[in-house]
Every structure is written in C-alpha cells, then in structure tokens.
C-alpha atoms as a PDB file:
ATOM      1  CA  UNK A   1       1.164   3.602 -25.028  1.00  0.00           C
ATOM      2  CA  UNK A   2      -1.319   6.594 -23.741  1.00  0.00           C
ATOM      3  CA  UNK A   3      -1.376   6.997 -20.075  1.00  0.00           C
ATOM      4  CA  UNK A   4      -4.670   5.814 -18.218  1.00  0.00           C
ATOM      5  CA  UNK A   5      -6.051   8.965 -16.770  1.00  0.00           C
ATOM      6  CA  UNK A   6      -8.043   8.218 -13.609  1.00  0.00           C
ATOM      7  CA  UNK A   7     -11.718   9.286 -14.051  1.00  0.00           C
ATOM      8  CA  UNK A   8     -14.634   9.244 -11.537  1.00  0.00           C
ATOM      9  CA  UNK A   9     -16.571   5.986 -12.432  1.00  0.00           C
ATOM     10  CA  UNK A  10     -20.397   6.004 -13.104  1.00  0.00           C
ATOM     11  CA  UNK A  11     -20.984   2.661 -11.145  1.00  0.00           C
ATOM     12  CA  UNK A  12     -19.854   0.586  -8.499  1.00  0.00           C
ATOM     13  CA  UNK A  13     -17.864  -1.452 -11.025  1.00  0.00           C
ATOM     14  CA  UNK A  14     -16.436   1.562 -12.488  1.00  0.00           C
ATOM     15  CA  UNK A  15     -15.005   2.361  -9.051  1.00  0.00           C
ATOM     16  CA  UNK A  16     -13.655  -1.214  -8.631  1.00  0.00           C
ATOM     17  CA  UNK A  17     -11.892  -1.158 -11.792  1.00  0.00           C
ATOM     18  CA  UNK A  18     -10.449   2.319 -11.179  1.00  0.00           C
ATOM     19  CA  UNK A  19      -8.842   1.109  -8.284  1.00  0.00           C
ATOM     20  CA  UNK A  20      -8.076  -2.164  -9.698  1.00  0.00           C
ATOM     21  CA  UNK A  21      -5.886  -0.301 -12.590  1.00  0.00           C
ATOM     22  CA  UNK A  22      -3.794   1.381 -10.498  1.00  0.00           C
ATOM     23  CA  UNK A  23      -2.876  -1.456  -8.129  1.00  0.00           C
ATOM     24  CA  UNK A  24      -1.740  -3.480 -11.425  1.00  0.00           C
ATOM     25  CA  UNK A  25      -2.925  -5.825 -13.927  1.00  0.00           C
ATOM     26  CA  UNK A  26      -1.632  -9.224 -13.125  1.00  0.00           C
ATOM     27  CA  UNK A  27      -2.184 -11.602 -15.988  1.00  0.00           C
ATOM     28  CA  UNK A  28      -2.227 -14.401 -13.601  1.00  0.00           C
ATOM     29  CA  UNK A  29      -4.111 -12.707 -10.727  1.00  0.00           C
ATOM     30  CA  UNK A  30      -8.116 -12.647 -10.742  1.00  0.00           C
ATOM     31  CA  UNK A  31      -8.360 -10.057  -8.651  1.00  0.00           C
ATOM     32  CA  UNK A  32      -6.312  -7.396 -10.301  1.00  0.00           C
ATOM     33  CA  UNK A  33      -8.458  -8.146 -13.735  1.00  0.00           C
ATOM     34  CA  UNK A  34      -9.926  -4.848 -14.821  1.00  0.00           C
ATOM     35  CA  UNK A  35     -14.050  -5.243 -14.567  1.00  0.00           C
ATOM     36  CA  UNK A  36     -15.863  -3.955 -17.349  1.00  0.00           C
ATOM     37  CA  UNK A  37     -18.403  -0.735 -16.366  1.00  0.00           C
ATOM     38  CA  UNK A  38     -21.671  -2.083 -17.852  1.00  0.00           C
ATOM     39  CA  UNK A  39     -20.727  -3.881 -21.288  1.00  0.00           C
ATOM     40  CA  UNK A  40     -22.712  -7.107 -20.989  1.00  0.00           C
ATOM     41  CA  UNK A  41     -20.922  -8.355 -18.106  1.00  0.00           C
ATOM     42  CA  UNK A  42     -17.750  -8.957 -20.037  1.00  0.00           C
ATOM     43  CA  UNK A  43     -14.295  -8.568 -18.594  1.00  0.00           C
ATOM     44  CA  UNK A  44     -11.774  -6.415 -20.388  1.00  0.00           C
ATOM     45  CA  UNK A  45      -8.232  -7.912 -20.919  1.00  0.00           C
ATOM     46  CA  UNK A  46      -5.442  -6.721 -18.234  1.00  0.00           C
ATOM     47  CA  UNK A  47      -3.408  -3.516 -20.272  1.00  0.00           C
ATOM     48  CA  UNK A  48       0.130  -2.884 -19.478  1.00  0.00           C
ATOM     49  CA  UNK A  49       0.899   0.529 -17.571  1.00  0.00           C
ATOM     50  CA  UNK A  50       1.918   3.156 -19.922  1.00  0.00           C
ATOM     51  CA  UNK A  51       3.562   6.623 -20.017  1.00  0.00           C
ATOM     52  CA  UNK A  52       7.131   8.082 -19.175  1.00  0.00           C
ATOM     53  CA  UNK A  53       6.679   7.565 -15.721  1.00  0.00           C
ATOM     54  CA  UNK A  54       4.933   3.748 -15.775  1.00  0.00           C
ATOM     55  CA  UNK A  55       8.273   1.997 -14.122  1.00  0.00           C
ATOM     56  CA  UNK A  56       7.636   3.966 -11.059  1.00  0.00           C
ATOM     57  CA  UNK A  57       4.388   2.300 -10.144  1.00  0.00           C
ATOM     58  CA  UNK A  58       3.721  -1.243  -8.930  1.00  0.00           C
ATOM     59  CA  UNK A  59       1.827  -1.776 -11.759  1.00  0.00           C
ATOM     60  CA  UNK A  60       4.403  -1.654 -13.975  1.00  0.00           C
ATOM     61  CA  UNK A  61       6.192  -4.731 -12.329  1.00  0.00           C
ATOM     62  CA  UNK A  62       2.944  -6.805 -11.486  1.00  0.00           C
ATOM     63  CA  UNK A  63       2.983  -8.990 -14.408  1.00  0.00           C
ATOM     64  CA  UNK A  64       6.590 -10.000 -14.060  1.00  0.00           C
ATOM     65  CA  UNK A  65       5.929 -11.344 -10.099  1.00  0.00           C
ATOM     66  CA  UNK A  66       3.469 -11.923  -7.667  1.00  0.00           C
ATOM     67  CA  UNK A  67       4.467 -11.894  -3.877  1.00  0.00           C
ATOM     68  CA  UNK A  68       2.690 -11.537  -0.784  1.00  0.00           C
ATOM     69  CA  UNK A  69       3.892  -7.842   0.001  1.00  0.00           C
ATOM     70  CA  UNK A  70       2.894  -7.627   3.587  1.00  0.00           C
ATOM     71  CA  UNK A  71       4.663 -11.147   4.624  1.00  0.00           C
ATOM     72  CA  UNK A  72       7.677 -10.123   2.727  1.00  0.00           C
ATOM     73  CA  UNK A  73       8.213  -6.816   4.691  1.00  0.00           C
ATOM     74  CA  UNK A  74       7.471  -8.697   8.060  1.00  0.00           C
ATOM     75  CA  UNK A  75      10.305 -11.058   7.100  1.00  0.00           C
ATOM     76  CA  UNK A  76      12.629  -8.130   6.104  1.00  0.00           C
ATOM     77  CA  UNK A  77      11.668  -6.015   9.237  1.00  0.00           C
ATOM     78  CA  UNK A  78      12.262  -8.954  11.430  1.00  0.00           C
ATOM     79  CA  UNK A  79      15.804  -9.794   9.732  1.00  0.00           C
ATOM     80  CA  UNK A  80      16.925  -5.912   9.526  1.00  0.00           C
ATOM     81  CA  UNK A  81      15.852  -4.765  12.780  1.00  0.00           C
ATOM     82  CA  UNK A  82      17.873  -7.627  14.857  1.00  0.00           C
ATOM     83  CA  UNK A  83      20.818  -7.068  12.211  1.00  0.00           C
ATOM     84  CA  UNK A  84      20.726  -3.375  13.271  1.00  0.00           C
ATOM     85  CA  UNK A  85      20.147  -4.157  17.113  1.00  0.00           C
ATOM     86  CA  UNK A  86      23.242  -6.464  16.708  1.00  0.00           C
ATOM     87  CA  UNK A  87      25.418  -3.823  14.594  1.00  0.00           C
ATOM     88  CA  UNK A  88      24.480  -1.314  17.820  1.00  0.00           C
ATOM     89  CA  UNK A  89      24.573  -3.663  20.866  1.00  0.00           C
ATOM     90  CA  UNK A  90      25.912  -6.896  19.631  1.00  0.00           C
ATOM     91  CA  UNK A  91      24.222 -10.470  19.154  1.00  0.00           C
ATOM     92  CA  UNK A  92      20.786  -9.999  21.023  1.00  0.00           C
ATOM     93  CA  UNK A  93      18.110 -11.918  19.133  1.00  0.00           C
ATOM     94  CA  UNK A  94      14.445 -10.632  19.898  1.00  0.00           C
ATOM     95  CA  UNK A  95      11.926 -13.592  18.854  1.00  0.00           C
ATOM     96  CA  UNK A  96       9.276 -11.627  20.310  1.00  0.00           C
ATOM     97  CA  UNK A  97      10.029  -8.529  17.781  1.00  0.00           C
ATOM     98  CA  UNK A  98       9.128 -11.199  15.051  1.00  0.00           C
ATOM     99  CA  UNK A  99       6.004 -12.169  16.493  1.00  0.00           C
ATOM    100  CA  UNK A 100       5.087  -8.188  17.229  1.00  0.00           C
ATOM    101  CA  UNK A 101       6.110  -7.114  13.586  1.00  0.00           C
ATOM    102  CA  UNK A 102       3.847 -10.278  12.330  1.00  0.00           C
ATOM    103  CA  UNK A 103       1.068  -9.187  14.217  1.00  0.00           C
ATOM    104  CA  UNK A 104       1.454  -5.513  13.851  1.00  0.00           C
ATOM    105  CA  UNK A 105       1.766  -5.376   9.776  1.00  0.00           C
ATOM    106  CA  UNK A 106      -0.941  -8.111   9.547  1.00  0.00           C
ATOM    107  CA  UNK A 107      -2.796  -5.998  11.684  1.00  0.00           C
ATOM    108  CA  UNK A 108      -2.695  -2.808  10.120  1.00  0.00           C
ATOM    109  CA  UNK A 109      -3.363  -3.929   6.700  1.00  0.00           C
ATOM    110  CA  UNK A 110      -6.514  -5.207   7.624  1.00  0.00           C
ATOM    111  CA  UNK A 111      -7.778  -2.413  10.142  1.00  0.00           C
ATOM    112  CA  UNK A 112      -6.892   0.393   7.265  1.00  0.00           C
ATOM    113  CA  UNK A 113      -8.508  -1.758   4.424  1.00  0.00           C
ATOM    114  CA  UNK A 114     -11.816  -2.266   6.842  1.00  0.00           C
ATOM    115  CA  UNK A 115     -11.620   1.404   7.704  1.00  0.00           C
ATOM    116  CA  UNK A 116     -11.450   2.494   4.178  1.00  0.00           C
ATOM    117  CA  UNK A 117     -14.084   0.118   2.940  1.00  0.00           C
ATOM    118  CA  UNK A 118     -16.134   1.493   5.694  1.00  0.00           C
ATOM    119  CA  UNK A 119     -15.779   5.102   4.886  1.00  0.00           C
ATOM    120  CA  UNK A 120     -16.124   4.515   1.241  1.00  0.00           C
ATOM    121  CA  UNK A 121     -19.356   2.493   1.773  1.00  0.00           C
ATOM    122  CA  UNK A 122     -21.413   4.235   4.560  1.00  0.00           C
ATOM    123  CA  UNK A 123     -19.539   7.794   4.683  1.00  0.00           C
ATOM    124  CA  UNK A 124     -18.655   8.968   1.265  1.00  0.00           C
ATOM    125  CA  UNK A 125     -21.632   6.758  -0.376  1.00  0.00           C
ATOM    126  CA  UNK A 126     -19.331   4.768  -2.955  1.00  0.00           C
ATOM    127  CA  UNK A 127     -19.335   1.332  -2.501  1.00  0.00           C
ATOM    128  CA  UNK A 128     -15.956  -0.557  -3.487  1.00  0.00           C
ATOM    129  CA  UNK A 129     -14.693  -4.002  -3.016  1.00  0.00           C
ATOM    130  CA  UNK A 130     -13.174  -4.990   0.195  1.00  0.00           C
ATOM    131  CA  UNK A 131     -10.414  -7.189  -1.382  1.00  0.00           C
ATOM    132  CA  UNK A 132      -9.828  -4.253  -3.855  1.00  0.00           C
ATOM    133  CA  UNK A 133      -8.892  -1.858  -1.014  1.00  0.00           C
ATOM    134  CA  UNK A 134      -6.846  -4.485   0.815  1.00  0.00           C
ATOM    135  CA  UNK A 135      -4.722  -5.147  -2.004  1.00  0.00           C
ATOM    136  CA  UNK A 136      -4.174  -1.475  -2.520  1.00  0.00           C
ATOM    137  CA  UNK A 137      -2.870  -1.369   0.786  1.00  0.00           C
ATOM    138  CA  UNK A 138      -0.968  -4.432   0.938  1.00  0.00           C
ATOM    139  CA  UNK A 139       0.719  -2.861  -2.356  1.00  0.00           C
ATOM    140  CA  UNK A 140       1.635   0.490  -0.671  1.00  0.00           C
ATOM    141  CA  UNK A 141       4.048  -1.630   1.742  1.00  0.00           C
ATOM    142  CA  UNK A 142       6.326  -2.091  -1.201  1.00  0.00           C
ATOM    143  CA  UNK A 143       8.589   0.998  -0.611  1.00  0.00           C
ATOM    144  CA  UNK A 144       8.990  -0.081   3.019  1.00  0.00           C
ATOM    145  CA  UNK A 145      10.718  -3.230   1.743  1.00  0.00           C
ATOM    146  CA  UNK A 146      13.854  -1.605   0.235  1.00  0.00           C
ATOM    147  CA  UNK A 147      13.881   1.362   3.115  1.00  0.00           C
ATOM    148  CA  UNK A 148      13.937  -1.111   5.989  1.00  0.00           C
ATOM    149  CA  UNK A 149      16.685  -2.702   4.361  1.00  0.00           C
ATOM    150  CA  UNK A 150      18.668   0.595   4.344  1.00  0.00           C
ATOM    151  CA  UNK A 151      17.308   1.771   7.659  1.00  0.00           C
ATOM    152  CA  UNK A 152      19.453  -1.302   9.099  1.00  0.00           C
ATOM    153  CA  UNK A 153      22.424   1.578   9.106  1.00  0.00           C
ATOM    154  CA  UNK A 154      22.009   4.435  11.398  1.00  0.00           C
ATOM    155  CA  UNK A 155      22.757   7.120   9.436  1.00  0.00           C
ATOM    156  CA  UNK A 156      19.723   5.960   6.887  1.00  0.00           C
ATOM    157  CA  UNK A 157      17.330   5.012   9.404  1.00  0.00           C
ATOM    158  CA  UNK A 158      15.330   8.256   9.460  1.00  0.00           C
ATOM    159  CA  UNK A 159      15.713   9.435   5.951  1.00  0.00           C
ATOM    160  CA  UNK A 160      14.986   5.792   4.816  1.00  0.00           C
ATOM    161  CA  UNK A 161      11.840   5.145   6.875  1.00  0.00           C
ATOM    162  CA  UNK A 162      10.427   8.489   6.261  1.00  0.00           C
ATOM    163  CA  UNK A 163      10.523   8.220   2.641  1.00  0.00           C
ATOM    164  CA  UNK A 164       9.184   4.542   2.982  1.00  0.00           C
ATOM    165  CA  UNK A 165       6.090   6.647   4.728  1.00  0.00           C
ATOM    166  CA  UNK A 166       5.715   9.392   2.245  1.00  0.00           C
ATOM    167  CA  UNK A 167       6.035   7.166  -0.847  1.00  0.00           C
ATOM    168  CA  UNK A 168       3.296   4.761   0.891  1.00  0.00           C
ATOM    169  CA  UNK A 169       1.090   7.138   1.713  1.00  0.00           C
ATOM    170  CA  UNK A 170       1.154   8.704  -1.829  1.00  0.00           C
ATOM    171  CA  UNK A 171       0.686   5.608  -3.655  1.00  0.00           C
ATOM    172  CA  UNK A 172      -2.518   5.195  -1.812  1.00  0.00           C
ATOM    173  CA  UNK A 173      -3.480   8.729  -2.260  1.00  0.00           C
ATOM    174  CA  UNK A 174      -3.107   8.480  -6.038  1.00  0.00           C
ATOM    175  CA  UNK A 175      -5.506   5.671  -6.040  1.00  0.00           C
ATOM    176  CA  UNK A 176      -8.345   7.028  -4.321  1.00  0.00           C
ATOM    177  CA  UNK A 177      -8.451  10.465  -4.428  1.00  0.00           C
ATOM    178  CA  UNK A 178     -10.042  10.232  -8.289  1.00  0.00           C
ATOM    179  CA  UNK A 179     -12.641   8.464  -7.076  1.00  0.00           C
ATOM    180  CA  UNK A 180     -13.527  10.292  -4.213  1.00  0.00           C
ATOM    181  CA  UNK A 181     -12.831  13.930  -5.126  1.00  0.00           C
ATOM    182  CA  UNK A 182     -16.482  14.339  -6.375  1.00  0.00           C
ATOM    183  CA  UNK A 183     -17.080  14.469  -2.620  1.00  0.00           C
ATOM    184  CA  UNK A 184     -15.179  17.207  -1.266  1.00  0.00           C
ATOM    185  CA  UNK A 185     -16.403  17.821   2.051  1.00  0.00           C
ATOM    186  CA  UNK A 186     -16.113  13.894   3.077  1.00  0.00           C
ATOM    187  CA  UNK A 187     -13.210  13.460   1.411  1.00  0.00           C
ATOM    188  CA  UNK A 188     -11.161  16.092   3.344  1.00  0.00           C
ATOM    189  CA  UNK A 189     -11.892  14.253   6.310  1.00  0.00           C
ATOM    190  CA  UNK A 190     -11.076  10.475   5.084  1.00  0.00           C
ATOM    191  CA  UNK A 191      -7.912  11.925   3.647  1.00  0.00           C
ATOM    192  CA  UNK A 192      -6.727  13.589   6.472  1.00  0.00           C
ATOM    193  CA  UNK A 193      -7.491  10.553   8.675  1.00  0.00           C
ATOM    194  CA  UNK A 194      -5.711   7.973   6.236  1.00  0.00           C
ATOM    195  CA  UNK A 195      -2.362  10.549   6.458  1.00  0.00           C
ATOM    196  CA  UNK A 196      -2.722  10.553  10.236  1.00  0.00           C
ATOM    197  CA  UNK A 197      -2.997   6.611  10.186  1.00  0.00           C
ATOM    198  CA  UNK A 198       0.128   6.098   7.617  1.00  0.00           C
ATOM    199  CA  UNK A 199       2.439   8.515   9.647  1.00  0.00           C
ATOM    200  CA  UNK A 200       1.670   6.596  13.057  1.00  0.00           C
ATOM    201  CA  UNK A 201       2.610   3.308  11.255  1.00  0.00           C
ATOM    202  CA  UNK A 202       5.758   4.868  10.028  1.00  0.00           C
ATOM    203  CA  UNK A 203       6.746   6.115  13.495  1.00  0.00           C
ATOM    204  CA  UNK A 204       5.775   2.668  15.107  1.00  0.00           C
ATOM    205  CA  UNK A 205       7.828   1.270  12.488  1.00  0.00           C
ATOM    206  CA  UNK A 206      10.709   3.716  13.219  1.00  0.00           C
ATOM    207  CA  UNK A 207      10.581   3.480  17.244  1.00  0.00           C
ATOM    208  CA  UNK A 208       9.894   0.065  17.616  1.00  0.00           C
ATOM    209  CA  UNK A 209      12.233  -1.464  15.528  1.00  0.00           C
ATOM    210  CA  UNK A 210      14.877   0.521  14.392  1.00  0.00           C
ATOM    211  CA  UNK A 211      15.479   3.409  17.508  1.00  0.00           C
ATOM    212  CA  UNK A 212      18.265   1.200  19.045  1.00  0.00           C
ATOM    213  CA  UNK A 213      20.255   2.324  16.027  1.00  0.00           C
ATOM    214  CA  UNK A 214      19.892   6.145  16.158  1.00  0.00           C
END
C-alpha cells in the first residue's frame, strides 16, 4: 500500500489522528483508532501500516499483540539487572532495585507525557489529547526491552543502552516533528528539552541498573 505521510493537521482532531496514526492502529484498542478530521463525527477504520520500512515501526506489529510496554520494561529491567549483578558479583538480589525501577519507569512515563501535553497546549498552542501522548511515550519504551536483555552482558551494556535511547528518541521525534514543525521557533525549544530528557532517562537506566557490569 501507499505509505502514509504525516501532515500538519487543520484542527485539533487531525493533530490527534496524526499522533495516533504513528503510534499504531490496533483493531481492538479504542485509543488507537484514527479520528476523522471533521467528517460528521464518524471514525475512520484502522489502516495497516504500509511502505517498505513499515516492519520497523511499532504500529506494524500492533494488530498482532497488545501489551503494556512500560510494565513489560519494568519486569525485564528488574530481572536482567539482577542477573547482570549476579554475573558480576555473585548472588545478591536487590528488591529495592525492583521498587525503584517501577517508580522510575511509571514516573517518567507520566512526567514526560504531561510535559509534552503542557508544551503542546500552552506553549506551542496545538492542543492534543493527553492519552495520545501517554501512548506515544509508552510505545517508545519498546526498543529498551530487547536492548536491556542484551545489556545483561558487560560487553554489550553501553552499546545496547545507547541504541535503545537513540531509537526511543527517534520514535517520539518521528511522531511529533510533523505536527510541531509549523511553529519552528517554539519547536526547537520543545524538541531540545525532549532530547535532553531522553538522554537523562537513558543514563539513569545505564548507571542505576547496569553499572556494576561495566
């Protein structure tokens, strides 16, 4: 099929539709259904992602599974960081690490989504649904899942975490740049803070959970 091109929407509903279209179009997820931009309030049917590189996007696989990405990431990091600690120092399971991981991942998800929503609504003046941004940030964690498994091994720790951080950031940028690009002056500020926040998140993941294997 013809690849979908992200365009600056003419209204608020179109902005949400653009974000939802990049996140994914799961048939069973009401939040992921594309909203019609001013066509009598009707909803458009989910469209499968197309194009040569569509298999590299989360949306391509969304019709086949529906998981809480953040919760899965918490489980994977909790398990692999303790395995990594065991390989480096012997058995020493850290339960506090699990509780910190849960608070950190969920906290970052809420804080970043809220910050983006506030930036879009009050600074850039392009209102967008909060849940669209929450889903966007949540799905951006997906690449961290395989990469944190690889980070269990000392030699792969830095490369895999950096790869996850870069991939996660590009995923979010790919979604919001098309809808914010018309406000170039303000867009630079928002995007710079987003990249900085993602970099800090990546470094905390590395040094808090996998530094003992370096």
